[in-house]
Protein backbone atom coordinates (compact mmCIF):
# COMPACT_ATOMS: atom_id res chain seq x y z
CA MET A 1 0.00 0.00 0.00
CA LYS A 2 2.77 2.39 0.91
CA GLY A 3 4.50 1.62 -2.40
CA LEU A 4 1.32 2.31 -4.27
CA LEU A 5 0.84 5.66 -2.55
CA GLY A 6 4.44 6.52 -3.30
CA ASN A 7 3.95 5.81 -6.97
CA VAL A 8 0.74 7.85 -7.06
CA GLY A 9 2.44 10.73 -5.30
CA GLN A 10 5.26 10.70 -7.75
CA ALA A 11 2.79 10.76 -10.63
CA ILE A 12 0.90 13.70 -9.12
CA LEU A 13 4.15 15.53 -8.49
CA LEU A 14 5.23 14.97 -12.09
CA LEU A 15 1.86 16.27 -13.33
CA VAL A 16 2.14 19.40 -11.17
CA ILE A 17 5.61 20.06 -12.53
CA LEU A 18 4.40 19.72 -16.11
CA CYS A 19 1.53 22.16 -15.46
CA ALA A 20 3.88 24.61 -13.80
CA LEU A 21 6.21 24.49 -16.79
CA THR A 22 3.43 25.16 -19.29
CA SER A 23 0.74 27.26 -17.69
CA PRO A 24 2.45 30.55 -16.67
CA VAL A 25 4.45 31.05 -19.85
CA GLN A 26 3.21 33.35 -22.63
CA VAL A 27 5.19 33.07 -25.84
CA GLN A 28 5.52 36.49 -27.53
CA THR A 29 4.71 36.33 -31.21
CA GLN A 30 5.60 38.68 -34.05
CA THR A 31 3.19 39.24 -36.90
CA LEU A 32 4.99 39.29 -40.24
CA PRO A 33 3.41 40.48 -43.46
CA GLN A 34 1.83 37.84 -45.62
CA HIS A 35 2.85 39.87 -48.71
CA PRO A 36 5.79 42.15 -49.65
CA PRO A 37 5.43 45.89 -49.00
CA TRP A 38 5.14 46.76 -52.69
CA TRP A 39 2.05 46.44 -54.88
CA ILE A 40 1.30 46.33 -58.59
CA THR A 41 -2.00 46.96 -60.34
CA ALA A 42 -3.02 47.19 -63.98
CA ASP A 43 -5.68 49.11 -65.89
CA PRO A 44 -7.50 47.88 -67.85
CA GLN A 45 -7.28 44.23 -66.90
CA VAL A 46 -8.73 43.05 -70.22
CA ILE A 47 -7.32 44.08 -73.61
CA TYR A 48 -8.36 43.09 -77.13
CA VAL A 49 -6.20 42.11 -80.08
CA GLY A 50 -7.73 41.81 -83.55
CA PRO A 51 -5.66 41.40 -86.73
CA PRO A 52 -4.47 43.37 -88.61
CA GLN A 53 -4.11 45.53 -85.46
CA CYS A 54 -1.63 43.42 -83.50
CA THR A 55 -0.82 45.61 -80.51
CA ALA A 56 -2.66 46.39 -77.30
CA SER A 57 -1.74 48.56 -74.33
CA PHE A 58 -2.43 48.78 -70.62
CA THR A 59 -0.97 50.79 -67.73
CA ILE A 60 0.75 49.32 -64.67
CA TYR A 61 1.04 51.13 -61.33
CA VAL A 62 3.78 50.19 -58.86
CA THR A 63 3.55 51.43 -55.25
CA ASP A 64 5.62 50.74 -52.16
CA ASP A 65 4.94 51.38 -48.48
CA TYR A 66 8.56 52.29 -47.76
CA LYS A 67 9.88 53.62 -51.11
CA THR A 68 13.48 52.73 -50.27
CA GLN A 69 14.54 50.56 -53.21
CA PRO A 70 13.87 50.35 -56.94
CA ILE A 71 11.17 47.97 -58.11
CA THR A 72 11.11 46.41 -61.57
CA VAL A 73 8.62 44.16 -63.33
CA PHE A 74 8.45 40.91 -65.25
CA ILE A 75 5.63 39.82 -67.54
CA GLU A 76 4.98 36.06 -67.61
CA ARG A 77 3.27 34.83 -70.74
CA ASP A 78 0.50 32.25 -70.77
CA PRO A 79 2.16 28.85 -71.26
CA ARG A 80 -0.99 27.60 -72.98
CA ASN A 81 -0.40 30.07 -75.78
CA PRO A 82 2.80 29.40 -77.77
CA TRP A 83 2.00 32.43 -79.96
CA ALA A 84 1.90 34.86 -77.07
CA PRO A 85 3.28 38.41 -77.48
CA THR A 86 6.67 38.55 -79.14
CA GLY A 87 7.73 41.31 -76.76
CA PHE A 88 6.71 44.36 -74.82
CA LEU A 89 7.38 48.09 -74.93
CA PHE A 90 7.49 50.17 -71.77
CA ASP A 91 6.52 53.80 -72.47
CA GLY A 92 7.54 53.18 -76.08
CA GLY A 93 11.00 51.72 -75.25
CA VAL A 94 12.35 48.22 -74.79
CA GLU A 95 14.04 48.97 -71.47
CA VAL A 96 12.19 47.55 -68.49
CA PRO A 97 11.55 50.21 -65.80
CA ALA A 98 13.42 49.84 -62.51
CA ARG A 99 12.56 52.85 -60.35
CA ILE A 100 11.78 53.70 -56.78
CA PRO A 101 7.97 53.69 -56.38
CA ASP A 102 5.51 55.19 -56.82
CA TRP A 103 5.66 54.95 -60.60
CA GLN A 104 3.58 53.93 -63.59
CA SER A 105 4.32 52.77 -67.13
CA THR A 106 2.30 52.18 -70.29
CA VAL A 107 2.94 48.62 -71.48
CA THR A 108 2.33 47.75 -75.13
CA ALA A 109 2.09 44.06 -75.98
CA LEU A 110 3.46 43.26 -79.44
CA PHE A 111 2.27 40.31 -81.50
CA GLY A 112 4.05 38.86 -84.53
CA SER A 113 2.92 37.58 -87.91
CA PRO A 114 1.77 35.20 -89.40
CA TRP A 115 -1.23 35.03 -87.08
CA GLU A 116 -1.54 31.46 -85.88
CA THR A 117 -3.02 31.92 -82.42
CA PRO A 118 -6.58 30.69 -82.26
CA PRO A 119 -9.14 33.16 -80.98
CA GLY A 120 -9.65 33.01 -77.27
CA ARG A 121 -8.80 34.48 -73.90
CA TYR A 122 -5.26 34.32 -72.52
CA THR A 123 -3.54 35.72 -69.47
CA LEU A 124 -0.43 37.79 -68.75
CA LYS A 125 0.91 37.76 -65.19
CA ILE A 126 2.92 40.88 -64.26
CA TYR A 127 5.26 40.57 -61.29
CA ALA A 128 6.82 43.43 -59.31
CA TYR A 129 10.06 42.83 -57.43
CA PRO A 130 13.40 44.39 -56.48
CA PRO A 131 16.06 43.59 -59.10
CA GLY A 132 17.72 40.33 -58.13
CA GLN A 133 14.88 38.92 -56.03
CA MET A 134 11.17 38.18 -56.18
CA TRP A 135 8.23 37.70 -53.83
CA GLY A 136 5.92 35.24 -55.54
CA ASP A 137 2.62 36.88 -54.60
CA SER A 138 3.48 40.42 -55.81
CA TYR A 139 1.74 40.32 -59.17
CA THR A 140 -1.34 41.30 -61.10
CA THR A 141 -2.94 39.81 -64.20
CA VAL A 142 -4.11 41.18 -67.51
CA ASP A 143 -6.22 39.10 -69.87
CA TYR A 144 -5.93 39.55 -73.60
CA ILE A 145 -8.64 38.39 -75.97
CA ILE A 146 -7.66 37.44 -79.51
CA GLU A 147 -10.59 38.20 -81.78
CA ASP A 148 -11.47 36.30 -84.91
CA THR A 149 -11.52 39.05 -87.50
CA GLY A 150 -10.97 36.76 -90.50
CA VAL A 151 -7.55 38.37 -91.07
CA LYS A 152 -4.52 36.12 -90.64
CA ALA A 153 -1.74 38.70 -90.84
CA CYS A 154 -0.72 41.82 -88.96
CA SER A 155 -0.44 45.18 -90.63
CA GLN A 156 3.04 45.42 -89.14
CA ASN A 157 5.36 42.76 -87.78
CA HIS A 158 6.54 43.51 -84.27
CA VAL A 159 9.73 41.84 -83.10
CA THR A 160 11.47 42.88 -79.90
CA THR A 161 13.64 41.18 -77.33
CA VAL A 162 11.30 39.04 -75.28
CA HIS A 163 11.36 40.12 -71.65
CA THR A 164 13.86 37.72 -70.02
CA LYS A 165 12.36 35.64 -67.25
CA TYR A 166 13.35 36.74 -63.79
CA THR A 167 15.85 34.47 -62.08
CA THR A 168 14.86 34.61 -58.42
CA TYR A 169 11.56 33.41 -57.08
CA TRP A 170 10.58 33.32 -53.43
CA THR A 171 8.45 30.66 -51.77
CA PHE A 172 7.78 30.27 -48.05
CA MET A 173 7.29 27.77 -45.21
CA THR A 174 5.23 28.44 -42.05
CA TYR A 175 5.15 27.46 -38.40
CA ARG A 176 3.15 28.53 -35.31
CA THR A 177 3.89 29.61 -31.74
CA SER A 178 1.59 29.13 -28.74
CA THR A 179 -0.70 31.92 -27.50
CA TYR A 180 -3.01 29.85 -25.33
CA ASP A 181 -3.54 29.79 -21.55
CA TRP A 182 -2.14 27.11 -19.30
CA TRP A 183 -5.42 25.23 -18.96
CA ASP A 184 -5.41 24.67 -22.71
CA TRP A 185 -2.11 22.91 -22.42
CA TRP A 186 -3.32 20.16 -24.69
CA GLN A 187 -3.51 22.78 -27.50
CA TRP A 188 0.21 23.57 -27.16
CA TRP A 189 0.78 22.23 -30.64
CA ARG A 190 -1.38 24.91 -32.28
CA TRP A 191 0.82 27.61 -33.85
CA ASP A 192 0.44 31.11 -35.24
CA TRP A 193 1.74 31.54 -38.76
CA TRP A 194 5.25 32.82 -39.29
CA VAL A 195 6.62 33.36 -42.77
CA VAL A 196 10.12 32.42 -43.92
CA TRP A 197 11.05 33.17 -47.52
CA TRP A 198 13.29 30.82 -49.49
CA PRO A 199 14.77 31.65 -52.91
CA TRP A 200 15.18 29.51 -55.96
CA THR A 201 16.55 30.70 -59.28
CA ALA A 202 15.94 30.32 -62.98
CA GLY A 203 16.65 32.31 -66.13
CA GLU A 204 19.57 34.39 -67.41
CA PHE A 205 21.51 37.37 -66.04
CA ASP A 206 21.65 40.59 -68.06
CA PHE A 207 22.40 44.25 -67.43
CA SER A 208 22.34 47.62 -69.20
CA LEU A 209 24.70 50.62 -69.32
CA HIS A 210 23.80 54.29 -69.19
CA ALA A 211 26.11 57.34 -69.28
CA MET A 212 25.55 61.03 -68.55
CA PRO A 213 26.19 63.36 -70.21
CA ALA A 214 26.52 62.06 -73.75
CA SER A 215 29.27 64.59 -74.58
CA GLN A 216 31.85 66.62 -72.67
CA SER A 217 34.11 69.48 -73.82
CA MET A 218 37.60 69.99 -72.49
CA LYS A 219 40.90 71.70 -73.24
CA ALA A 220 44.01 69.67 -73.85
CA GLY A 221 45.65 69.15 -70.47
CA GLU A 222 42.37 69.20 -68.53
CA SER A 223 40.01 66.50 -67.18
CA VAL A 224 36.28 65.73 -67.50
CA SER A 225 33.91 63.28 -65.81
CA PHE A 226 31.01 61.06 -66.88
CA THR A 227 28.53 59.21 -64.67
CA THR A 228 28.10 55.54 -65.57
CA ASP A 229 24.95 53.77 -64.36
CA VAL A 230 24.93 49.96 -64.45
CA ARG A 231 21.40 48.55 -64.09
CA LEU A 232 20.16 45.02 -63.63
CA VAL A 233 17.82 43.93 -66.41
CA SER A 234 17.14 40.32 -65.44
CA GLY A 235 18.56 37.36 -63.58
CA VAL A 236 20.61 37.11 -60.42
CA ALA A 237 22.93 40.09 -60.11
CA GLN A 238 26.55 39.29 -60.96
CA ALA A 239 29.71 41.39 -60.90
CA VAL A 240 30.21 43.72 -63.86
CA THR A 241 33.65 45.16 -64.69
CA LEU A 242 33.92 48.51 -66.44
CA SER A 243 36.56 49.58 -68.95
CA LEU A 244 37.05 52.21 -71.65
CA SER A 245 37.76 51.64 -75.34
CA GLY A 246 38.86 54.00 -78.11
CA LEU A 247 40.70 56.52 -75.95
CA PRO A 248 43.26 58.50 -78.04
CA GLY A 249 46.93 58.68 -77.12
CA GLY A 250 47.87 61.15 -74.44
CA MET A 251 44.75 60.41 -72.39
CA SER A 252 44.09 58.24 -69.33
CA TYR A 253 40.97 57.22 -67.40
CA SER A 254 39.79 55.82 -64.08
CA PHE A 255 36.50 54.56 -62.64
CA SER A 256 35.54 55.38 -59.07
CA ILE A 257 34.01 51.88 -58.90
CA PRO A 258 35.72 49.73 -61.55
CA SER A 259 33.64 46.65 -60.72
CA GLY A 260 30.37 46.13 -58.89
CA THR A 261 27.06 44.30 -58.73
CA PRO A 262 24.15 46.01 -60.53
CA ARG A 263 22.62 48.32 -59.80
CA PHE A 264 25.58 50.62 -59.09
CA THR A 265 26.92 53.99 -60.26
CA SER A 266 30.56 54.74 -61.12
CA ASP A 267 32.20 58.06 -62.00
CA LEU A 268 34.44 57.92 -65.07
CA ARG A 269 37.23 60.52 -65.06
CA ILE A 270 39.21 61.14 -68.26
CA SER A 271 42.42 63.20 -68.16
CA SER A 272 44.40 64.50 -71.14
CA GLN A 273 47.88 65.80 -71.72
CA SER A 274 48.46 69.23 -73.25
CA SER A 275 49.85 67.55 -76.38
CA VAL A 276 46.50 66.01 -77.37
CA SER A 277 45.35 67.35 -80.73
CA PRO A 278 42.03 69.21 -80.87
CA GLY A 279 39.09 67.23 -82.19
CA THR A 280 36.05 65.12 -81.31
CA TYR A 281 36.83 61.63 -79.99
CA PRO A 282 34.10 58.97 -79.54
CA VAL A 283 35.00 56.52 -76.75
CA ALA A 284 33.08 53.46 -75.58
CA ILE A 285 32.32 52.57 -71.98
CA VAL A 286 32.35 48.76 -71.84
CA GLY A 287 30.76 46.58 -69.17
CA THR A 288 31.58 42.87 -68.93
CA GLY A 289 30.15 40.33 -66.52
CA GLY A 290 28.16 37.12 -66.28
CA GLY A 291 28.97 36.23 -69.85
CA LYS A 292 27.48 39.49 -71.10
CA THR A 293 29.23 42.50 -72.69
CA HIS A 294 27.54 45.83 -73.34
CA SER A 295 28.91 49.22 -74.33
CA ILE A 296 27.75 52.80 -74.67
CA THR A 297 29.52 55.59 -76.60
CA VAL A 298 30.25 59.09 -75.29
CA ASN A 299 32.05 61.96 -77.05
CA LEU A 300 35.10 63.94 -75.95
CA VAL A 301 35.41 67.36 -77.60
CA VAL A 302 39.00 68.54 -77.13
CA SER A 303 39.99 72.15 -77.89
CA GLU A 304 43.40 73.82 -78.00
CA ASN A 305 45.21 74.40 -74.76
CA LYS A 306 45.86 78.14 -74.88
CA GLN A 307 46.13 80.81 -72.23
CA SER A 308 43.52 83.52 -72.08
CA SER A 309 44.34 87.17 -72.81
CA SER A 310 42.73 90.46 -71.83
CA LEU A 311 42.81 94.09 -72.93
CA SER A 312 42.22 97.25 -70.92
CA LEU A 313 41.32 100.60 -72.52
CA SER A 314 40.70 104.18 -71.34
CA VAL A 315 39.58 107.33 -73.22
CA SER A 316 40.25 110.99 -72.38
CA PRO A 317 38.47 113.35 -72.51
CA PRO A 318 34.97 111.88 -72.54
CA SER A 319 33.69 114.92 -74.44
CA LEU A 320 35.39 117.07 -77.12
CA LYS A 321 34.70 119.16 -80.22
CA VAL A 322 35.29 118.42 -83.85
CA GLY A 323 38.93 119.16 -84.69
CA GLU A 324 40.14 118.28 -81.18
CA SER A 325 42.02 115.06 -80.35
CA VAL A 326 40.95 112.21 -78.09
CA ALA A 327 43.70 110.29 -76.25
CA LEU A 328 43.55 106.51 -75.77
CA GLY A 329 45.63 104.31 -73.51
CA GLY A 330 45.56 100.61 -72.69
CA ALA A 331 47.48 97.45 -72.00
CA LEU A 332 47.53 93.83 -73.21
CA SER A 333 47.83 91.01 -70.68
CA PRO A 334 50.08 89.08 -70.88
CA GLY A 335 52.55 91.82 -71.72
CA LEU A 336 53.72 91.17 -75.26
CA ALA A 337 55.22 93.30 -78.04
CA THR A 338 52.60 92.88 -80.74
CA THR A 339 49.99 94.75 -82.78
CA VAL A 340 46.61 95.74 -81.36
CA GLU A 341 43.62 96.94 -83.36
CA LEU A 342 41.67 100.03 -82.30
CA VAL A 343 38.17 100.08 -83.76
CA TYR A 344 36.53 103.54 -83.79
CA THR A 345 32.81 103.62 -84.55
CA ARG A 346 31.36 106.87 -85.93
CA PRO A 347 27.84 108.13 -85.13
CA ASP A 348 26.66 106.80 -88.51
CA GLY A 349 27.92 103.28 -87.69
CA PHE A 350 30.98 103.31 -89.94
CA GLU A 351 34.05 101.66 -88.37
CA LEU A 352 37.57 103.07 -88.62
CA VAL A 353 40.32 100.57 -87.75
CA LYS A 354 43.79 101.67 -86.66
CA HIS A 355 46.75 99.44 -85.80
CA VAL A 356 49.01 100.40 -82.92
CA THR A 357 52.09 98.64 -81.61
CA THR A 358 52.43 97.64 -77.97
CA SER A 359 55.60 97.94 -75.95
CA GLY A 360 57.36 94.95 -74.43
CA ALA A 361 55.06 95.30 -71.43
CA GLY A 362 51.96 95.28 -73.64
CA VAL A 363 51.21 99.01 -73.22
CA PHE A 364 49.79 101.03 -76.14
CA SER A 365 48.37 104.52 -76.82
CA ASP A 366 46.80 106.55 -79.63
CA ALA A 367 45.63 110.09 -80.48
CA PHE A 368 42.67 110.46 -82.80
CA LYS A 369 40.79 113.45 -84.28
CA PRO A 370 37.12 112.65 -84.89
CA ASP A 371 35.62 114.36 -87.93
CA MET A 372 31.92 114.05 -87.15
CA PRO A 373 29.87 115.34 -84.24
CA GLY A 374 27.81 112.87 -82.25
CA PRO A 375 28.35 109.79 -80.03
CA TRP A 376 31.50 107.79 -80.78
CA SER A 377 32.80 104.49 -79.38
CA VAL A 378 36.10 102.65 -79.48
CA LYS A 379 37.36 99.22 -78.45
CA ALA A 380 40.68 97.38 -78.60
CA ARG A 381 41.06 93.82 -79.85
CA TRP A 382 43.84 91.32 -80.35
CA PRO A 383 43.64 88.23 -82.59
CA GLY A 384 45.79 86.11 -80.27
CA ASP A 385 48.75 83.92 -81.18
CA ALA A 386 49.85 80.30 -81.00
CA ASP A 387 49.88 80.33 -77.20
CA HIS A 388 47.05 82.72 -76.37
CA TYR A 389 43.40 83.11 -77.18
CA ALA A 390 42.13 86.32 -78.77
CA GLY A 391 41.13 89.16 -76.47
CA GLU A 392 38.88 92.19 -76.65
CA SER A 393 38.45 95.17 -74.34
CA GLN A 394 35.24 96.70 -73.14
CA THR A 395 33.79 99.38 -75.40
CA GLN A 396 34.52 102.96 -74.34
CA SER A 397 32.34 105.89 -75.42
CA PHE A 398 32.98 109.60 -75.97
CA THR A 399 30.98 112.48 -77.38
CA VAL A 400 32.07 114.87 -80.16
CA GLU A 401 30.39 118.27 -80.28
CA PRO A 402 30.27 120.53 -83.36
CA PRO A 403 32.76 123.50 -83.40
CA PRO A 404 31.55 126.98 -82.25
CA GLU A 405 30.08 129.24 -84.93
CA GLN A 406 32.39 132.12 -86.29
CA PRO A 407 31.07 135.49 -87.66
CA PRO A 408 31.23 135.52 -91.47
CA SER A 409 34.00 137.56 -93.15
CA LEU A 410 33.42 140.35 -95.72
CA TRP A 411 34.15 138.06 -98.58
CA ASP A 412 31.82 135.42 -97.00
CA GLN A 413 29.11 138.08 -96.82
CA ILE A 414 29.78 139.20 -100.40
CA ALA A 415 29.78 135.64 -101.52
CA ARG A 416 26.55 135.04 -99.64
CA ILE A 417 24.69 138.10 -101.23
CA LEU A 418 26.39 138.01 -104.64
CA PRO A 419 23.89 135.57 -106.12
CA THR A 420 21.00 137.77 -104.96
CA VAL A 421 22.59 140.96 -106.45
CA ALA A 422 23.25 139.22 -109.72
CA LEU A 423 19.70 138.01 -109.86
CA VAL A 424 18.30 141.49 -109.20
CA ALA A 425 20.60 143.05 -111.91
CA VAL A 426 19.44 140.49 -114.42
CA ILE A 427 15.81 141.19 -113.57
CA LEU A 428 16.33 144.99 -113.92
CA ALA A 429 18.13 144.61 -117.26
CA ILE A 430 15.27 142.52 -118.52
CA VAL A 431 12.73 145.16 -117.40
CA VAL A 432 14.67 148.07 -119.01
CA LEU A 433 15.07 146.17 -122.23
CA ALA A 434 11.39 145.42 -122.31
CA VAL A 435 10.44 149.11 -121.78
CA VAL A 436 12.77 150.29 -124.58
CA LEU A 437 11.38 147.73 -126.95
CA VAL A 438 7.81 148.72 -126.15
CA ARG A 439 8.49 152.43 -126.68
CA ARG A 440 10.28 151.90 -129.99
CA ARG A 441 7.46 149.80 -131.23
CA SER A 442 4.81 152.41 -130.27
CA ALA A 443 6.71 155.28 -132.03
CA HIS A 444 7.16 153.25 -135.11
CA LYS A 445 3.47 152.48 -135.29
CA LEU A 446 2.51 156.20 -134.81
CA LYS A 447 4.89 157.42 -137.47
CA GLY A 448 3.72 154.91 -139.96
CA ALA A 449 0.09 155.75 -139.35
CA THR A 450 0.65 159.56 -139.81
CA ALA A 451 2.67 159.19 -142.99
CA VAL A 452 0.05 157.08 -144.67
CA ALA A 453 -2.84 159.47 -143.72
CA ALA A 454 -1.14 162.76 -145.03
CA ARG A 455 0.40 161.52 -148.19
CA PHE A 456 -2.26 162.59 -150.85
CA CYS A 457 -5.36 164.83 -150.94
CA THR A 458 -8.53 162.91 -151.33
CA LYS A 459 -10.07 165.53 -153.60
CA CYS A 460 -7.36 166.37 -156.12
CA GLY A 461 -4.72 163.87 -155.27
CA THR A 462 -2.03 166.39 -154.44
CA LYS A 463 0.58 165.34 -151.89
CA ILE A 464 0.04 167.04 -148.63
CA PRO A 465 3.15 168.29 -146.82
CA GLU A 466 3.93 166.69 -143.51
CA GLY A 467 2.42 168.68 -140.72
CA SER A 468 0.04 170.70 -143.02
CA GLY A 469 -3.70 170.54 -142.62
CA TYR A 470 -4.66 171.88 -146.12
CA CYS A 471 -4.04 170.72 -149.67
CA PRO A 472 -1.62 173.11 -151.31
CA ASN A 473 -3.39 172.69 -154.69
CA CYS A 474 -7.07 172.99 -154.07
CA GLY A 475 -7.06 174.25 -150.52
CA GLU A 476 -9.05 171.21 -149.30
CA LYS A 477 -8.80 170.95 -145.59
CA PHE A 478 -7.25 167.66 -144.42
CA GLY A 479 -7.71 165.91 -141.16
C-alpha cells in the first residue's frame, strides 16, 4: 500500500511540474506580413487584339509602403499560348523600368505575324520585385482576348527582345507559436503563422549601361567626368567590370568603382595631356560580366590648350569738339610686343580701324581726331597667337560736339549776297530792255500811221506836206 501511494504521489508531483512548466508562460509572437510591402496593379485588366491591329496597351502602377529601393517588373506569358506576345514596350521603349515607387508605365504588348493563335482568352501575369529577387505573390494579371476578324496577318510585324524571365523566385514555409492559456495545455501544438522566404533561381543574367552626359568638352591638359549607371535587367545580379575603349593617345581614365554588382553607379574621369590634338573623340564605356558584354559611346570634344588674354582701354576726354584730339591708352595682358587693333565707330555706324604697336610690357596709346559730331565708341582687340586666345576690351564711349560758330568775313558776306545781287541786276536789265522795246514799237506804229494818212489829198490827189492841214493845190482841208 505504501509503495502504491508513493507511486501515485510521484505521478501527481510529475503532473504538477508539467503544469507549472506550461501554464504561466506566454510566448511572444511577431506578426509578419503575408505579402511584400510593394504592390502592382493594372488598368484595364482586359485588352483586345484583332488582326491586322496586333498591338494592345495597358498601364501598370507600382507602389511601395517604404519607397526605399527600386522595383522592376516581369511579364509572364500564358504557357498555354505558344503564340503569345513577341515582346513588350514600356513607355515606347524596350528597357524595363526599374525605379523607386511610386511609378507607372504604359505597357504595349506586341504580336508577330503570321497570325496562328486561335481566338480566345489568354492571361499575362505581371510581377513586381526588387532587381535580383522576387516575392511570388506580388503580381497582377491582364487578360488579352484574340478576336477572330478573319484576317490572318498583322499590318506590321513587331519583333522585340522578349522580356527575359526573372531568375529569383521566393516561396515560403510556415510554423506557429503558442498563444493559449495554461489550462489549454493540450492545445500547445497549435501555432500562429510565421513566414520564412526561401529563394530559388531560374533564367539568365543581363544588365544595361547608361552614361551622362553624352558629350563633354575639355581643353588639352584638362580632365572631365562622366557618370556611368549599371542597371540590372534580369537574372541574379553578378559582378560587372567597367573599362574604356577607343581613348586616343595622351589620355588616361579611371572609374571610381571599376567593378560592382548592378545596380551601381561609377564616375568615369578622363584626363588629357596638353599635347592632345584638338578634335572630337568617340569613346566606348564597356561593361563585362556574367557572360554578357555591353557598351555605350560618349564623345570627348578637345579644344586647344591656350592661355587667355585680356585688354584694358581708357579714353580721355569723354567729351570734345570736332577738330580736337581724343587720347587713348591701354594694356595687353600678358605683356607682349605685338599689334593691337583700335576700332573707332562713328555716329553713322561706320568703323575706322587703326593698328598700334604695344611695348614689351603690352602698353599702347593713340591720339585720334574725330571728324563728325555725335556719339563715338572705341574698343581694342587682339587676334591672339599660337599660345594665347584672342582678347577684346570693353567698349569705351565719348561724345564729339560741333565746333563753335564764327562770324562771317566780308568776302563770305559778299559771296553770300552776290547771287542775290546778280539776280536782281538780271531782272532789272530785262525790265529796261522790255520798256525800250515797247516804246520803240509804239513810235514806229505812230509814225507809220501819220505818214500814210497825209500823203495825198482825197479831192485832187495832191501830196500834202507833212504837218500841213490843207491841200496846197485845191485848198481842201485835211484831217
